[in-house]
Amino acid sequence: MSVSPEPHFRSLDLPQKHVTRAWMAATISAGLTLVLSIAGAVGIITLPGYDAWNFIDVAILAGLAYGVWRRSRVCAVLLLLYGTANEVILAFDETARFSLLRVVFIYFYFRGAIQIFRNHRNGTVPEPAKA
């Protein structure tokens, strides 16, 4: 049996906070995109890139957030790839601005994906918290 180089904090449940932060970051990102898309679609604000087409982005982020909440490895990897691809696309867009929040969210997606894979490797996949 191999010993993980990271300490286990079973009493504090710290490793599971990475997964929680990942799906919460995706949910916050979907919520912000939803609000800005609604405001852009009805004409309240005129930000470049925020219109009714972003509802597809909201649906994808919400679905992936639900998958990460359910501890799906596929959804965790897709969320990380989706966030990274969006950041790369925005890096080449002349009208887009750099946002540290998006980079922090990508970090949360990465740490959540790593933790989900560790849980599946160890066979200790916890059930999602019941509301």
N, C-alpha and C. Protein backbone atom coordinates (compact mmCIF):
# COMPACT_ATOMS: atom_id res chain seq x y z
N MET A 1 0.85 -1.16 0.00
CA MET A 1 0.00 0.00 0.00
C MET A 1 0.90 1.23 0.00
N SER A 2 0.68 2.13 -0.92
CA SER A 2 1.50 3.34 -0.98
C SER A 2 0.90 4.42 -0.08
N VAL A 3 1.79 5.21 0.45
CA VAL A 3 1.38 6.29 1.33
C VAL A 3 1.41 7.58 0.54
N SER A 4 0.35 8.34 0.60
CA SER A 4 0.26 9.60 -0.11
C SER A 4 1.20 10.62 0.53
N PRO A 5 1.87 11.43 -0.29
CA PRO A 5 2.78 12.43 0.29
C PRO A 5 2.04 13.55 1.03
N GLU A 6 0.76 13.69 0.77
CA GLU A 6 -0.02 14.71 1.45
C GLU A 6 -0.65 14.13 2.71
N PRO A 7 -0.66 14.88 3.80
CA PRO A 7 -1.25 14.36 5.04
C PRO A 7 -2.77 14.25 4.91
N HIS A 8 -3.32 13.31 5.65
CA HIS A 8 -4.76 13.13 5.68
C HIS A 8 -5.34 13.90 6.86
N PHE A 9 -6.36 14.68 6.59
CA PHE A 9 -7.05 15.43 7.62
C PHE A 9 -8.49 14.93 7.68
N ARG A 10 -8.66 13.74 8.16
CA ARG A 10 -10.00 13.14 8.15
C ARG A 10 -10.97 13.90 9.03
N SER A 11 -10.50 14.41 10.15
CA SER A 11 -11.42 15.09 11.07
C SER A 11 -11.89 16.42 10.49
N LEU A 12 -11.07 17.07 9.67
CA LEU A 12 -11.45 18.35 9.10
C LEU A 12 -12.04 18.22 7.71
N ASP A 13 -11.90 17.06 7.08
CA ASP A 13 -12.41 16.79 5.74
C ASP A 13 -11.87 17.80 4.73
N LEU A 14 -10.61 18.18 4.90
CA LEU A 14 -10.00 19.17 4.01
C LEU A 14 -9.87 18.71 2.56
N PRO A 15 -9.53 17.46 2.28
CA PRO A 15 -9.43 17.08 0.87
C PRO A 15 -10.74 17.25 0.10
N GLN A 16 -11.87 17.05 0.75
CA GLN A 16 -13.14 17.18 0.05
C GLN A 16 -13.50 18.64 -0.24
N LYS A 17 -12.85 19.56 0.43
CA LYS A 17 -13.11 20.97 0.17
C LYS A 17 -12.66 21.36 -1.23
N HIS A 18 -11.69 20.65 -1.79
CA HIS A 18 -11.26 20.93 -3.16
C HIS A 18 -12.40 20.64 -4.14
N VAL A 19 -13.09 19.55 -3.92
CA VAL A 19 -14.22 19.20 -4.79
C VAL A 19 -15.35 20.21 -4.61
N THR A 20 -15.61 20.57 -3.36
CA THR A 20 -16.66 21.54 -3.07
C THR A 20 -16.34 22.88 -3.72
N ARG A 21 -15.10 23.32 -3.61
CA ARG A 21 -14.72 24.59 -4.24
C ARG A 21 -14.84 24.53 -5.75
N ALA A 22 -14.55 23.36 -6.34
CA ALA A 22 -14.63 23.23 -7.80
C ALA A 22 -16.07 23.39 -8.28
N TRP A 23 -17.02 22.67 -7.66
CA TRP A 23 -18.39 22.79 -8.16
C TRP A 23 -19.01 24.11 -7.77
N MET A 24 -18.58 24.69 -6.64
CA MET A 24 -19.10 26.01 -6.28
C MET A 24 -18.58 27.08 -7.24
N ALA A 25 -17.31 26.99 -7.64
CA ALA A 25 -16.76 27.95 -8.60
C ALA A 25 -17.49 27.85 -9.94
N ALA A 26 -17.79 26.63 -10.37
CA ALA A 26 -18.52 26.45 -11.62
C ALA A 26 -19.94 27.01 -11.50
N THR A 27 -20.56 26.82 -10.35
CA THR A 27 -21.92 27.34 -10.13
C THR A 27 -21.91 28.87 -10.10
N ILE A 28 -20.93 29.45 -9.44
CA ILE A 28 -20.82 30.91 -9.41
C ILE A 28 -20.58 31.46 -10.80
N SER A 29 -19.71 30.80 -11.56
CA SER A 29 -19.43 31.23 -12.92
C SER A 29 -20.69 31.14 -13.79
N ALA A 30 -21.44 30.06 -13.63
CA ALA A 30 -22.68 29.92 -14.39
C ALA A 30 -23.69 30.99 -13.98
N GLY A 31 -23.78 31.28 -12.68
CA GLY A 31 -24.72 32.30 -12.21
C GLY A 31 -24.36 33.69 -12.71
N LEU A 32 -23.08 34.05 -12.65
CA LEU A 32 -22.66 35.35 -13.15
C LEU A 32 -22.89 35.47 -14.66
N THR A 33 -22.59 34.41 -15.38
CA THR A 33 -22.82 34.41 -16.82
C THR A 33 -24.31 34.53 -17.13
N LEU A 34 -25.14 33.87 -16.34
CA LEU A 34 -26.58 33.96 -16.54
C LEU A 34 -27.08 35.38 -16.34
N VAL A 35 -26.66 36.01 -15.25
CA VAL A 35 -27.11 37.37 -14.96
C VAL A 35 -26.65 38.34 -16.05
N LEU A 36 -25.37 38.24 -16.45
CA LEU A 36 -24.86 39.13 -17.48
C LEU A 36 -25.48 38.84 -18.85
N SER A 37 -25.80 37.58 -19.12
CA SER A 37 -26.45 37.23 -20.39
C SER A 37 -27.87 37.77 -20.46
N ILE A 38 -28.59 37.67 -19.34
CA ILE A 38 -29.95 38.22 -19.32
C ILE A 38 -29.90 39.72 -19.49
N ALA A 39 -28.97 40.37 -18.79
CA ALA A 39 -28.85 41.82 -18.91
C ALA A 39 -28.43 42.23 -20.32
N GLY A 40 -27.57 41.45 -20.94
CA GLY A 40 -27.17 41.75 -22.31
C GLY A 40 -28.25 41.46 -23.33
N ALA A 41 -29.05 40.41 -23.08
CA ALA A 41 -30.10 40.04 -24.04
C ALA A 41 -31.24 41.05 -24.04
N VAL A 42 -31.57 41.62 -22.89
CA VAL A 42 -32.67 42.57 -22.83
C VAL A 42 -32.20 44.01 -23.06
N GLY A 43 -30.88 44.19 -23.16
CA GLY A 43 -30.36 45.51 -23.48
C GLY A 43 -30.06 46.41 -22.31
N ILE A 44 -30.00 45.86 -21.11
CA ILE A 44 -29.68 46.68 -19.93
C ILE A 44 -28.22 47.11 -19.98
N ILE A 45 -27.34 46.17 -20.33
CA ILE A 45 -25.93 46.50 -20.48
C ILE A 45 -25.47 46.10 -21.87
N THR A 46 -24.40 46.69 -22.31
CA THR A 46 -23.86 46.35 -23.62
C THR A 46 -22.39 45.99 -23.48
N LEU A 47 -22.14 44.86 -22.86
CA LEU A 47 -20.79 44.33 -22.76
C LEU A 47 -20.52 43.48 -23.98
N PRO A 48 -19.33 43.59 -24.57
CA PRO A 48 -19.03 42.76 -25.73
C PRO A 48 -18.97 41.29 -25.34
N GLY A 49 -19.68 40.47 -26.07
CA GLY A 49 -19.65 39.04 -25.82
C GLY A 49 -20.73 38.52 -24.89
N TYR A 50 -21.53 39.40 -24.30
CA TYR A 50 -22.61 38.94 -23.42
C TYR A 50 -23.94 39.18 -24.11
N ASP A 51 -24.51 38.10 -24.61
CA ASP A 51 -25.80 38.17 -25.27
C ASP A 51 -26.53 36.86 -25.02
N ALA A 52 -27.55 36.61 -25.78
CA ALA A 52 -28.37 35.42 -25.55
C ALA A 52 -27.62 34.12 -25.85
N TRP A 53 -26.56 34.16 -26.63
CA TRP A 53 -25.81 32.94 -26.93
C TRP A 53 -25.09 32.38 -25.70
N ASN A 54 -24.90 33.18 -24.72
CA ASN A 54 -24.20 32.72 -23.51
C ASN A 54 -25.06 31.80 -22.65
N PHE A 55 -26.33 31.66 -22.97
CA PHE A 55 -27.17 30.71 -22.25
C PHE A 55 -26.68 29.28 -22.46
N ILE A 56 -26.05 29.04 -23.61
CA ILE A 56 -25.46 27.73 -23.86
C ILE A 56 -24.30 27.51 -22.89
N ASP A 57 -23.50 28.55 -22.70
CA ASP A 57 -22.39 28.50 -21.74
C ASP A 57 -22.90 28.24 -20.33
N VAL A 58 -24.00 28.88 -19.98
CA VAL A 58 -24.60 28.68 -18.65
C VAL A 58 -25.03 27.22 -18.48
N ALA A 59 -25.66 26.66 -19.50
CA ALA A 59 -26.14 25.27 -19.41
C ALA A 59 -24.96 24.30 -19.29
N ILE A 60 -23.90 24.54 -20.05
CA ILE A 60 -22.73 23.67 -19.98
C ILE A 60 -22.08 23.74 -18.60
N LEU A 61 -21.88 24.96 -18.10
CA LEU A 61 -21.26 25.12 -16.78
C LEU A 61 -22.12 24.52 -15.66
N ALA A 62 -23.42 24.72 -15.75
CA ALA A 62 -24.31 24.16 -14.72
C ALA A 62 -24.29 22.63 -14.76
N GLY A 63 -24.30 22.05 -15.94
CA GLY A 63 -24.24 20.60 -16.06
C GLY A 63 -22.94 20.02 -15.55
N LEU A 64 -21.83 20.69 -15.87
CA LEU A 64 -20.54 20.22 -15.40
C LEU A 64 -20.40 20.40 -13.88
N ALA A 65 -20.96 21.49 -13.36
CA ALA A 65 -20.93 21.69 -11.91
C ALA A 65 -21.71 20.58 -11.20
N TYR A 66 -22.85 20.20 -11.75
CA TYR A 66 -23.62 19.10 -11.17
C TYR A 66 -22.83 17.79 -11.24
N GLY A 67 -22.16 17.56 -12.36
CA GLY A 67 -21.35 16.36 -12.49
C GLY A 67 -20.20 16.31 -11.50
N VAL A 68 -19.55 17.44 -11.26
CA VAL A 68 -18.46 17.49 -10.28
C VAL A 68 -19.03 17.29 -8.88
N TRP A 69 -20.20 17.85 -8.61
CA TRP A 69 -20.85 17.63 -7.32
C TRP A 69 -21.12 16.15 -7.09
N ARG A 70 -21.45 15.43 -8.17
CA ARG A 70 -21.71 13.99 -8.09
C ARG A 70 -20.42 13.16 -8.14
N ARG A 71 -19.25 13.83 -8.17
CA ARG A 71 -17.92 13.22 -8.16
C ARG A 71 -17.62 12.46 -9.45
N SER A 72 -18.00 13.03 -10.59
CA SER A 72 -17.73 12.42 -11.88
C SER A 72 -16.36 12.87 -12.38
N ARG A 73 -15.52 11.89 -12.70
CA ARG A 73 -14.19 12.21 -13.21
C ARG A 73 -14.27 12.85 -14.59
N VAL A 74 -15.19 12.37 -15.40
CA VAL A 74 -15.35 12.92 -16.75
C VAL A 74 -15.76 14.39 -16.67
N CYS A 75 -16.72 14.69 -15.83
CA CYS A 75 -17.17 16.08 -15.69
C CYS A 75 -16.07 16.97 -15.11
N ALA A 76 -15.27 16.44 -14.19
CA ALA A 76 -14.18 17.22 -13.61
C ALA A 76 -13.15 17.59 -14.67
N VAL A 77 -12.80 16.63 -15.51
CA VAL A 77 -11.83 16.90 -16.57
C VAL A 77 -12.43 17.84 -17.62
N LEU A 78 -13.68 17.61 -17.99
CA LEU A 78 -14.32 18.49 -18.96
C LEU A 78 -14.46 19.92 -18.44
N LEU A 79 -14.75 20.08 -17.16
CA LEU A 79 -14.84 21.41 -16.57
C LEU A 79 -13.49 22.10 -16.61
N LEU A 80 -12.43 21.39 -16.29
CA LEU A 80 -11.08 21.96 -16.34
C LEU A 80 -10.72 22.34 -17.77
N LEU A 81 -11.00 21.47 -18.72
CA LEU A 81 -10.71 21.77 -20.12
C LEU A 81 -11.55 22.93 -20.64
N TYR A 82 -12.80 22.97 -20.25
CA TYR A 82 -13.70 24.04 -20.70
C TYR A 82 -13.25 25.39 -20.15
N GLY A 83 -12.90 25.42 -18.88
CA GLY A 83 -12.42 26.67 -18.29
C GLY A 83 -11.12 27.13 -18.91
N THR A 84 -10.20 26.20 -19.14
CA THR A 84 -8.92 26.54 -19.75
C THR A 84 -9.11 26.99 -21.19
N ALA A 85 -9.96 26.30 -21.95
CA ALA A 85 -10.21 26.68 -23.34
C ALA A 85 -10.84 28.07 -23.43
N ASN A 86 -11.78 28.36 -22.53
CA ASN A 86 -12.37 29.70 -22.52
C ASN A 86 -11.33 30.77 -22.24
N GLU A 87 -10.41 30.49 -21.32
CA GLU A 87 -9.37 31.46 -20.99
C GLU A 87 -8.42 31.67 -22.17
N VAL A 88 -8.09 30.60 -22.87
CA VAL A 88 -7.21 30.71 -24.04
C VAL A 88 -7.90 31.49 -25.15
N ILE A 89 -9.18 31.21 -25.37
CA ILE A 89 -9.93 31.94 -26.40
C ILE A 89 -10.02 33.41 -26.05
N LEU A 90 -10.27 33.72 -24.79
CA LEU A 90 -10.35 35.11 -24.37
C LEU A 90 -9.00 35.81 -24.42
N ALA A 91 -7.91 35.05 -24.30
CA ALA A 91 -6.58 35.65 -24.39
C ALA A 91 -6.31 36.19 -25.79
N PHE A 92 -6.90 35.57 -26.80
CA PHE A 92 -6.70 36.02 -28.17
C PHE A 92 -7.75 37.03 -28.62
N ASP A 93 -8.75 37.29 -27.80
CA ASP A 93 -9.78 38.27 -28.13
C ASP A 93 -9.30 39.66 -27.71
N GLU A 94 -9.35 40.59 -28.64
CA GLU A 94 -8.84 41.94 -28.37
C GLU A 94 -9.75 42.73 -27.44
N THR A 95 -11.04 42.41 -27.40
CA THR A 95 -11.97 43.18 -26.57
C THR A 95 -12.09 42.62 -25.16
N ALA A 96 -11.58 41.41 -24.93
CA ALA A 96 -11.71 40.79 -23.60
C ALA A 96 -10.64 41.34 -22.66
N ARG A 97 -10.99 41.36 -21.40
CA ARG A 97 -10.07 41.80 -20.36
C ARG A 97 -9.62 40.61 -19.55
N PHE A 98 -8.41 40.74 -19.01
CA PHE A 98 -7.89 39.70 -18.13
C PHE A 98 -8.65 39.73 -16.81
N SER A 99 -9.00 38.55 -16.32
CA SER A 99 -9.70 38.46 -15.05
C SER A 99 -9.00 37.44 -14.17
N LEU A 100 -8.55 37.90 -13.02
CA LEU A 100 -7.91 37.01 -12.06
C LEU A 100 -8.90 35.98 -11.52
N LEU A 101 -10.19 36.35 -11.48
CA LEU A 101 -11.21 35.43 -10.99
C LEU A 101 -11.29 34.17 -11.85
N ARG A 102 -11.19 34.32 -13.17
CA ARG A 102 -11.22 33.14 -14.05
C ARG A 102 -10.03 32.24 -13.79
N VAL A 103 -8.86 32.83 -13.54
CA VAL A 103 -7.67 32.03 -13.25
C VAL A 103 -7.82 31.29 -11.92
N VAL A 104 -8.39 31.95 -10.93
CA VAL A 104 -8.64 31.30 -9.64
C VAL A 104 -9.63 30.16 -9.81
N PHE A 105 -10.67 30.37 -10.61
CA PHE A 105 -11.64 29.30 -10.86
C PHE A 105 -10.97 28.11 -11.55
N ILE A 106 -10.07 28.36 -12.49
CA ILE A 106 -9.37 27.26 -13.15
C ILE A 106 -8.52 26.49 -12.13
N TYR A 107 -7.91 27.20 -11.20
CA TYR A 107 -7.16 26.53 -10.13
C TYR A 107 -8.10 25.64 -9.30
N PHE A 108 -9.28 26.15 -8.96
CA PHE A 108 -10.24 25.33 -8.20
C PHE A 108 -10.68 24.12 -9.01
N TYR A 109 -10.90 24.28 -10.32
CA TYR A 109 -11.28 23.15 -11.17
C TYR A 109 -10.16 22.10 -11.17
N PHE A 110 -8.92 22.56 -11.26
CA PHE A 110 -7.77 21.65 -11.28
C PHE A 110 -7.67 20.87 -9.97
N ARG A 111 -7.74 21.57 -8.84
CA ARG A 111 -7.62 20.90 -7.55
C ARG A 111 -8.80 19.94 -7.31
N GLY A 112 -9.99 20.33 -7.76
CA GLY A 112 -11.15 19.44 -7.62
C GLY A 112 -11.00 18.18 -8.46
N ALA A 113 -10.50 18.33 -9.68
CA ALA A 113 -10.30 17.17 -10.54
C ALA A 113 -9.26 16.22 -9.95
N ILE A 114 -8.17 16.78 -9.42
CA ILE A 114 -7.14 15.94 -8.79
C ILE A 114 -7.74 15.17 -7.61
N GLN A 115 -8.53 15.84 -6.79
CA GLN A 115 -9.10 15.18 -5.62
C GLN A 115 -10.10 14.10 -6.01
N ILE A 116 -10.89 14.35 -7.03
CA ILE A 116 -11.85 13.32 -7.48
C ILE A 116 -11.10 12.09 -7.98
N PHE A 117 -10.01 12.29 -8.72
CA PHE A 117 -9.23 11.15 -9.18
C PHE A 117 -8.58 10.41 -8.01
N ARG A 118 -8.11 11.13 -7.01
CA ARG A 118 -7.54 10.48 -5.83
C ARG A 118 -8.60 9.66 -5.09
N ASN A 119 -9.78 10.21 -4.97
CA ASN A 119 -10.85 9.47 -4.29
C ASN A 119 -11.20 8.19 -5.03
N HIS A 120 -11.28 8.27 -6.34
CA HIS A 120 -11.62 7.08 -7.12
C HIS A 120 -10.49 6.06 -7.07
N ARG A 121 -9.25 6.53 -7.06
CA ARG A 121 -8.10 5.62 -6.99
C ARG A 121 -8.09 4.88 -5.67
N ASN A 122 -8.39 5.59 -4.59
CA ASN A 122 -8.38 4.97 -3.25
C ASN A 122 -9.65 4.20 -2.95
N GLY A 123 -10.66 4.36 -3.79
CA GLY A 123 -11.93 3.67 -3.55
C GLY A 123 -12.74 4.31 -2.45
N THR A 124 -12.49 5.57 -2.14
CA THR A 124 -13.21 6.25 -1.06
C THR A 124 -14.02 7.42 -1.63
N VAL A 125 -14.90 7.13 -2.54
CA VAL A 125 -15.70 8.17 -3.16
C VAL A 125 -16.87 8.49 -2.23
N PRO A 126 -16.84 9.65 -1.57
CA PRO A 126 -17.95 10.00 -0.67
C PRO A 126 -19.17 10.43 -1.45
N GLU A 127 -20.31 10.24 -0.85
CA GLU A 127 -21.56 10.70 -1.45
C GLU A 127 -21.63 12.23 -1.36
N PRO A 128 -22.27 12.87 -2.33
CA PRO A 128 -22.43 14.32 -2.24
C PRO A 128 -23.27 14.68 -1.01
N ALA A 129 -23.01 15.85 -0.47
CA ALA A 129 -23.73 16.31 0.71
C ALA A 129 -25.20 16.51 0.37
N LYS A 130 -26.05 16.05 1.23
CA LYS A 130 -27.49 16.22 1.04
C LYS A 130 -27.89 17.60 1.57
N ALA A 131 -28.75 18.25 0.83
CA ALA A 131 -29.18 19.59 1.25
C ALA A 131 -30.32 19.53 2.23
